[in-house]
Amino acid sequence: MTDDDRKSGRDERYPSASELDFWSFVELANHRLATEYGFRHQLATEVLLTLNRASNIVTYDLEAAVHRPRGLSWSGFRLMFVTWLAGPLEPKSAATLTGMSRAAVSNLAKTLVADGWLARTPDERDGRSVRLSLTEKGHREMVEVFRQHNEREYEWTSVLTETEQRILIMLLNKLITNRNQFDVRGRN
């Protein structure tokens, strides 16, 4: 053990910081959280670290491989996706369905309107409100981009059997729907 290792409290059983990969980091984190700090719920930490990591990797891949080459961000795709499939909707509903804030939807809608993919029209029932809808150009783009997106989704999920995919959905739904057990902060 080097002097630097002793000073940093590095455990020789684990790789140095520069040699850690995600899984060895999770193992190190769980060990240190339990032994040095007395935290008891290492499995919970591992589940959520893994869930976040998987989500970030898949999202980045979809954005880089499918959306950015077409001039869309991940957020832009999400807003166009819900508008495409749910039909014309108020920004508040779009925010709920995308998991974004109303301010984010509003700012993003400005860009998508300027690009000719989205239209903002006054709400017929409430003149103070607007409705977001896809333009013809936006509709054509969504059909094309989703064809590519869906193939990439299939590539990701094809490592799981159909039964495993359904179990994963069930488990994620269980995690999401039981959040009312405690004071969850954030968007729906």
C-alpha atoms as a PDB file:
ATOM      1  CA  MET A   1       0.000   0.000   0.000  1.00  0.00           C
ATOM      2  CA  THR A   2       1.392   3.386  -0.980  1.00  0.00           C
ATOM      3  CA  ASP A   3       1.384   6.458   1.264  1.00  0.00           C
ATOM      4  CA  ASP A   4      -1.260   7.977  -0.998  1.00  0.00           C
ATOM      5  CA  ASP A   5      -3.435   4.873  -0.537  1.00  0.00           C
ATOM      6  CA  ARG A   6      -3.089   5.093   3.246  1.00  0.00           C
ATOM      7  CA  LYS A   7      -3.939   8.813   3.241  1.00  0.00           C
ATOM      8  CA  SER A   8      -6.968   8.296   1.041  1.00  0.00           C
ATOM      9  CA  GLY A   9      -8.114   5.243   2.985  1.00  0.00           C
ATOM     10  CA  ARG A  10      -7.940   3.137  -0.190  1.00  0.00           C
ATOM     11  CA  ASP A  11      -8.716  -0.534   0.309  1.00  0.00           C
ATOM     12  CA  GLU A  12      -6.276  -2.794  -1.572  1.00  0.00           C
ATOM     13  CA  ARG A  13      -9.080  -5.264  -2.352  1.00  0.00           C
ATOM     14  CA  TYR A  14     -10.475  -2.763  -4.846  1.00  0.00           C
ATOM     15  CA  PRO A  15      -8.929  -1.160  -7.935  1.00  0.00           C
ATOM     16  CA  SER A  16      -7.549   2.355  -7.683  1.00  0.00           C
ATOM     17  CA  ALA A  17      -9.827   5.202  -8.728  1.00  0.00           C
ATOM     18  CA  SER A  18      -8.290   5.312 -12.211  1.00  0.00           C
ATOM     19  CA  GLU A  19      -8.858   1.559 -12.646  1.00  0.00           C
ATOM     20  CA  LEU A  20     -12.479   1.423 -11.445  1.00  0.00           C
ATOM     21  CA  ASP A  21     -15.221   0.490 -13.855  1.00  0.00           C
ATOM     22  CA  PHE A  22     -18.900   0.896 -13.049  1.00  0.00           C
ATOM     23  CA  TRP A  23     -19.327  -2.509 -11.379  1.00  0.00           C
ATOM     24  CA  SER A  24     -16.146  -2.340  -9.302  1.00  0.00           C
ATOM     25  CA  PHE A  25     -17.186   1.170  -8.243  1.00  0.00           C
ATOM     26  CA  VAL A  26     -20.587  -0.144  -7.085  1.00  0.00           C
ATOM     27  CA  GLU A  27     -18.845  -2.882  -5.119  1.00  0.00           C
ATOM     28  CA  LEU A  28     -16.424  -0.375  -3.566  1.00  0.00           C
ATOM     29  CA  ALA A  29     -19.232   2.078  -2.800  1.00  0.00           C
ATOM     30  CA  ASN A  30     -21.320  -0.588  -1.087  1.00  0.00           C
ATOM     31  CA  HIS A  31     -18.334  -1.759   0.961  1.00  0.00           C
ATOM     32  CA  ARG A  32     -17.350   1.744   2.076  1.00  0.00           C
ATOM     33  CA  LEU A  33     -20.922   2.870   2.749  1.00  0.00           C
ATOM     34  CA  ALA A  34     -21.434  -0.140   5.026  1.00  0.00           C
ATOM     35  CA  THR A  35     -18.078  -0.358   6.779  1.00  0.00           C
ATOM     36  CA  GLU A  36     -17.037   3.275   7.053  1.00  0.00           C
ATOM     37  CA  TYR A  37     -20.375   5.023   7.329  1.00  0.00           C
ATOM     38  CA  GLY A  38     -22.746   2.396   8.684  1.00  0.00           C
ATOM     39  CA  PHE A  39     -25.365   2.645   5.951  1.00  0.00           C
ATOM     40  CA  ARG A  40     -27.480  -0.511   5.813  1.00  0.00           C
ATOM     41  CA  HIS A  41     -29.262  -0.459   2.483  1.00  0.00           C
ATOM     42  CA  GLN A  42     -26.518  -1.347   0.005  1.00  0.00           C
ATOM     43  CA  LEU A  43     -28.870  -3.338  -2.237  1.00  0.00           C
ATOM     44  CA  ALA A  44     -31.127  -0.285  -2.597  1.00  0.00           C
ATOM     45  CA  THR A  45     -28.099   1.770  -3.599  1.00  0.00           C
ATOM     46  CA  GLU A  46     -27.043  -0.866  -6.114  1.00  0.00           C
ATOM     47  CA  VAL A  47     -30.550  -1.134  -7.622  1.00  0.00           C
ATOM     48  CA  LEU A  48     -30.878   2.609  -8.133  1.00  0.00           C
ATOM     49  CA  LEU A  49     -27.291   3.127  -9.325  1.00  0.00           C
ATOM     50  CA  THR A  50     -27.868   0.375 -11.898  1.00  0.00           C
ATOM     51  CA  LEU A  51     -31.292   1.703 -12.903  1.00  0.00           C
ATOM     52  CA  ASN A  52     -29.882   5.204 -13.411  1.00  0.00           C
ATOM     53  CA  ARG A  53     -26.862   3.875 -15.290  1.00  0.00           C
ATOM     54  CA  ALA A  54     -29.004   1.771 -17.626  1.00  0.00           C
ATOM     55  CA  SER A  55     -31.376   4.666 -18.265  1.00  0.00           C
ATOM     56  CA  ASN A  56     -28.524   7.076 -18.995  1.00  0.00           C
ATOM     57  CA  ILE A  57     -26.757   4.651 -21.347  1.00  0.00           C
ATOM     58  CA  VAL A  58     -29.886   3.814 -23.351  1.00  0.00           C
ATOM     59  CA  THR A  59     -31.028   7.441 -23.506  1.00  0.00           C
ATOM     60  CA  TYR A  60     -27.609   8.644 -24.645  1.00  0.00           C
ATOM     61  CA  ASP A  61     -27.422   5.918 -27.281  1.00  0.00           C
ATOM     62  CA  LEU A  62     -30.887   6.678 -28.669  1.00  0.00           C
ATOM     63  CA  GLU A  63     -30.154  10.390 -28.753  1.00  0.00           C
ATOM     64  CA  ALA A  64     -26.707   9.983 -30.363  1.00  0.00           C
ATOM     65  CA  ALA A  65     -27.624   7.241 -32.836  1.00  0.00           C
ATOM     66  CA  VAL A  66     -31.127   8.330 -33.842  1.00  0.00           C
ATOM     67  CA  HIS A  67     -32.147  11.825 -32.795  1.00  0.00           C
ATOM     68  CA  ARG A  68     -29.101  14.123 -32.955  1.00  0.00           C
ATOM     69  CA  PRO A  69     -28.344  13.162 -36.582  1.00  0.00           C
ATOM     70  CA  ARG A  70     -31.876  14.350 -37.420  1.00  0.00           C
ATOM     71  CA  GLY A  71     -31.500  17.620 -35.510  1.00  0.00           C
ATOM     72  CA  LEU A  72     -33.535  16.558 -32.475  1.00  0.00           C
ATOM     73  CA  SER A  73     -32.564  16.424 -28.830  1.00  0.00           C
ATOM     74  CA  TRP A  74     -33.897  13.684 -26.553  1.00  0.00           C
ATOM     75  CA  SER A  75     -36.266  16.229 -24.991  1.00  0.00           C
ATOM     76  CA  GLY A  76     -37.410  17.394 -28.410  1.00  0.00           C
ATOM     77  CA  PHE A  77     -38.145  13.823 -29.423  1.00  0.00           C
ATOM     78  CA  ARG A  78     -40.133  13.194 -26.218  1.00  0.00           C
ATOM     79  CA  LEU A  79     -42.282  16.283 -26.743  1.00  0.00           C
ATOM     80  CA  MET A  80     -42.925  15.446 -30.387  1.00  0.00           C
ATOM     81  CA  PHE A  81     -43.617  11.797 -29.509  1.00  0.00           C
ATOM     82  CA  VAL A  82     -46.381  12.584 -27.004  1.00  0.00           C
ATOM     83  CA  THR A  83     -47.837  15.256 -29.278  1.00  0.00           C
ATOM     84  CA  TRP A  84     -47.794  12.808 -32.199  1.00  0.00           C
ATOM     85  CA  LEU A  85     -49.571  10.010 -30.347  1.00  0.00           C
ATOM     86  CA  ALA A  86     -51.796  11.914 -27.893  1.00  0.00           C
ATOM     87  CA  GLY A  87     -52.871  14.498 -30.453  1.00  0.00           C
ATOM     88  CA  PRO A  88     -53.121  18.235 -29.886  1.00  0.00           C
ATOM     89  CA  LEU A  89     -52.583  18.963 -26.222  1.00  0.00           C
ATOM     90  CA  GLU A  90     -52.005  21.783 -23.784  1.00  0.00           C
ATOM     91  CA  PRO A  91     -48.434  22.420 -22.626  1.00  0.00           C
ATOM     92  CA  LYS A  92     -49.437  21.346 -19.088  1.00  0.00           C
ATOM     93  CA  SER A  93     -50.522  17.916 -20.365  1.00  0.00           C
ATOM     94  CA  ALA A  94     -47.387  17.671 -22.506  1.00  0.00           C
ATOM     95  CA  ALA A  95     -45.283  18.390 -19.402  1.00  0.00           C
ATOM     96  CA  THR A  96     -47.042  15.623 -17.462  1.00  0.00           C
ATOM     97  CA  LEU A  97     -46.668  13.065 -20.246  1.00  0.00           C
ATOM     98  CA  THR A  98     -43.006  13.860 -20.970  1.00  0.00           C
ATOM     99  CA  GLY A  99     -41.922  14.239 -17.351  1.00  0.00           C
ATOM    100  CA  MET A 100     -40.606  17.723 -18.112  1.00  0.00           C
ATOM    101  CA  SER A 101     -41.435  20.996 -16.411  1.00  0.00           C
ATOM    102  CA  ARG A 102     -43.965  23.343 -18.008  1.00  0.00           C
ATOM    103  CA  ALA A 103     -41.180  25.878 -18.532  1.00  0.00           C
ATOM    104  CA  ALA A 104     -39.052  23.274 -20.340  1.00  0.00           C
ATOM    105  CA  VAL A 105     -41.994  22.349 -22.584  1.00  0.00           C
ATOM    106  CA  SER A 106     -42.643  26.010 -23.339  1.00  0.00           C
ATOM    107  CA  ASN A 107     -39.016  26.713 -24.265  1.00  0.00           C
ATOM    108  CA  LEU A 108     -38.699  23.530 -26.294  1.00  0.00           C
ATOM    109  CA  ALA A 109     -41.971  24.213 -28.109  1.00  0.00           C
ATOM    110  CA  LYS A 110     -40.587  27.578 -29.284  1.00  0.00           C
ATOM    111  CA  THR A 111     -37.651  25.833 -30.956  1.00  0.00           C
ATOM    112  CA  LEU A 112     -39.820  23.105 -32.514  1.00  0.00           C
ATOM    113  CA  VAL A 113     -42.294  25.719 -33.792  1.00  0.00           C
ATOM    114  CA  ALA A 114     -39.407  27.711 -35.327  1.00  0.00           C
ATOM    115  CA  ASP A 115     -38.149  24.502 -36.988  1.00  0.00           C
ATOM    116  CA  GLY A 116     -41.603  23.926 -38.484  1.00  0.00           C
ATOM    117  CA  TRP A 117     -42.264  20.654 -36.658  1.00  0.00           C
ATOM    118  CA  LEU A 118     -44.759  21.864 -34.073  1.00  0.00           C
ATOM    119  CA  ALA A 119     -47.658  24.331 -34.196  1.00  0.00           C
ATOM    120  CA  ARG A 120     -49.008  26.443 -31.329  1.00  0.00           C
ATOM    121  CA  THR A 121     -52.635  27.414 -31.764  1.00  0.00           C
ATOM    122  CA  PRO A 122     -55.041  29.174 -29.391  1.00  0.00           C
ATOM    123  CA  ASP A 123     -57.249  26.754 -27.488  1.00  0.00           C
ATOM    124  CA  GLU A 124     -60.820  26.950 -28.806  1.00  0.00           C
ATOM    125  CA  ARG A 125     -62.306  26.569 -25.303  1.00  0.00           C
ATOM    126  CA  ASP A 126     -59.888  28.857 -23.447  1.00  0.00           C
ATOM    127  CA  GLY A 127     -58.399  31.729 -25.408  1.00  0.00           C
ATOM    128  CA  ARG A 128     -55.701  32.219 -22.756  1.00  0.00           C
ATOM    129  CA  SER A 129     -54.292  28.746 -23.383  1.00  0.00           C
ATOM    130  CA  VAL A 130     -52.633  27.149 -26.396  1.00  0.00           C
ATOM    131  CA  ARG A 131     -52.550  23.695 -27.892  1.00  0.00           C
ATOM    132  CA  LEU A 132     -49.496  22.022 -29.323  1.00  0.00           C
ATOM    133  CA  SER A 133     -49.820  19.849 -32.414  1.00  0.00           C
ATOM    134  CA  LEU A 134     -47.521  18.432 -35.038  1.00  0.00           C
ATOM    135  CA  THR A 135     -47.324  20.116 -38.405  1.00  0.00           C
ATOM    136  CA  GLU A 136     -47.393  17.950 -41.537  1.00  0.00           C
ATOM    137  CA  LYS A 137     -43.599  18.185 -41.594  1.00  0.00           C
ATOM    138  CA  GLY A 138     -43.483  17.179 -37.907  1.00  0.00           C
ATOM    139  CA  HIS A 139     -45.779  14.221 -38.519  1.00  0.00           C
ATOM    140  CA  ARG A 140     -43.645  12.955 -41.425  1.00  0.00           C
ATOM    141  CA  GLU A 141     -40.520  13.388 -39.290  1.00  0.00           C
ATOM    142  CA  MET A 142     -42.020  11.447 -36.364  1.00  0.00           C
ATOM    143  CA  VAL A 143     -43.024   8.515 -38.567  1.00  0.00           C
ATOM    144  CA  GLU A 144     -39.495   8.350 -39.982  1.00  0.00           C
ATOM    145  CA  VAL A 145     -37.612   8.981 -36.741  1.00  0.00           C
ATOM    146  CA  PHE A 146     -39.721   6.519 -34.792  1.00  0.00           C
ATOM    147  CA  ARG A 147     -39.087   3.797 -37.354  1.00  0.00           C
ATOM    148  CA  GLN A 148     -35.364   4.171 -36.642  1.00  0.00           C
ATOM    149  CA  HIS A 149     -35.935   4.687 -32.892  1.00  0.00           C
ATOM    150  CA  ASN A 150     -38.076   1.567 -32.608  1.00  0.00           C
ATOM    151  CA  GLU A 151     -35.480  -0.580 -34.372  1.00  0.00           C
ATOM    152  CA  ARG A 152     -32.864   0.688 -31.918  1.00  0.00           C
ATOM    153  CA  GLU A 153     -35.215  -0.086 -29.008  1.00  0.00           C
ATOM    154  CA  TYR A 154     -35.557  -3.606 -30.358  1.00  0.00           C
ATOM    155  CA  GLU A 155     -31.773  -3.993 -30.564  1.00  0.00           C
ATOM    156  CA  TRP A 156     -31.489  -3.018 -26.899  1.00  0.00           C
ATOM    157  CA  THR A 157     -34.303  -5.225 -25.636  1.00  0.00           C
ATOM    158  CA  SER A 158     -33.647  -8.271 -27.821  1.00  0.00           C
ATOM    159  CA  VAL A 159     -31.121  -9.542 -25.259  1.00  0.00           C
ATOM    160  CA  LEU A 160     -34.138 -10.238 -23.026  1.00  0.00           C
ATOM    161  CA  THR A 161     -36.824 -12.794 -23.733  1.00  0.00           C
ATOM    162  CA  GLU A 162     -40.374 -11.515 -24.082  1.00  0.00           C
ATOM    163  CA  THR A 163     -41.108 -12.865 -20.599  1.00  0.00           C
ATOM    164  CA  GLU A 164     -38.068 -11.070 -19.153  1.00  0.00           C
ATOM    165  CA  GLN A 165     -39.159  -7.836 -20.825  1.00  0.00           C
ATOM    166  CA  ARG A 166     -42.635  -8.152 -19.293  1.00  0.00           C
ATOM    167  CA  ILE A 167     -41.126  -8.918 -15.868  1.00  0.00           C
ATOM    168  CA  LEU A 168     -38.859  -5.872 -16.145  1.00  0.00           C
ATOM    169  CA  ILE A 169     -41.848  -3.681 -17.047  1.00  0.00           C
ATOM    170  CA  MET A 170     -43.792  -5.143 -14.125  1.00  0.00           C
ATOM    171  CA  LEU A 171     -40.935  -4.483 -11.685  1.00  0.00           C
ATOM    172  CA  LEU A 172     -40.373  -0.926 -12.913  1.00  0.00           C
ATOM    173  CA  ASN A 173     -44.113  -0.239 -12.704  1.00  0.00           C
ATOM    174  CA  LYS A 174     -44.114  -1.568  -9.161  1.00  0.00           C
ATOM    175  CA  LEU A 175     -41.248   0.739  -8.252  1.00  0.00           C
ATOM    176  CA  ILE A 176     -42.998   3.730  -9.833  1.00  0.00           C
ATOM    177  CA  THR A 177     -46.521   3.096  -8.536  1.00  0.00           C
ATOM    178  CA  ASN A 178     -45.430   2.525  -4.949  1.00  0.00           C
ATOM    179  CA  ARG A 179     -43.725   5.892  -4.651  1.00  0.00           C
ATOM    180  CA  ASN A 180     -46.689   7.221  -2.649  1.00  0.00           C
ATOM    181  CA  GLN A 181     -45.271   5.396   0.397  1.00  0.00           C
ATOM    182  CA  PHE A 182     -43.070   8.407   1.062  1.00  0.00           C
ATOM    183  CA  ASP A 183     -42.810  12.083   0.124  1.00  0.00           C
ATOM    184  CA  VAL A 184     -41.544  11.867  -3.465  1.00  0.00           C
ATOM    185  CA  ARG A 185     -40.332  15.079  -4.989  1.00  0.00           C
ATOM    186  CA  GLY A 186     -40.248  15.686  -8.698  1.00  0.00           C
ATOM    187  CA  ARG A 187     -42.451  15.459 -11.712  1.00  0.00           C
ATOM    188  CA  ASN A 188     -44.927  12.674 -12.337  1.00  0.00           C
END
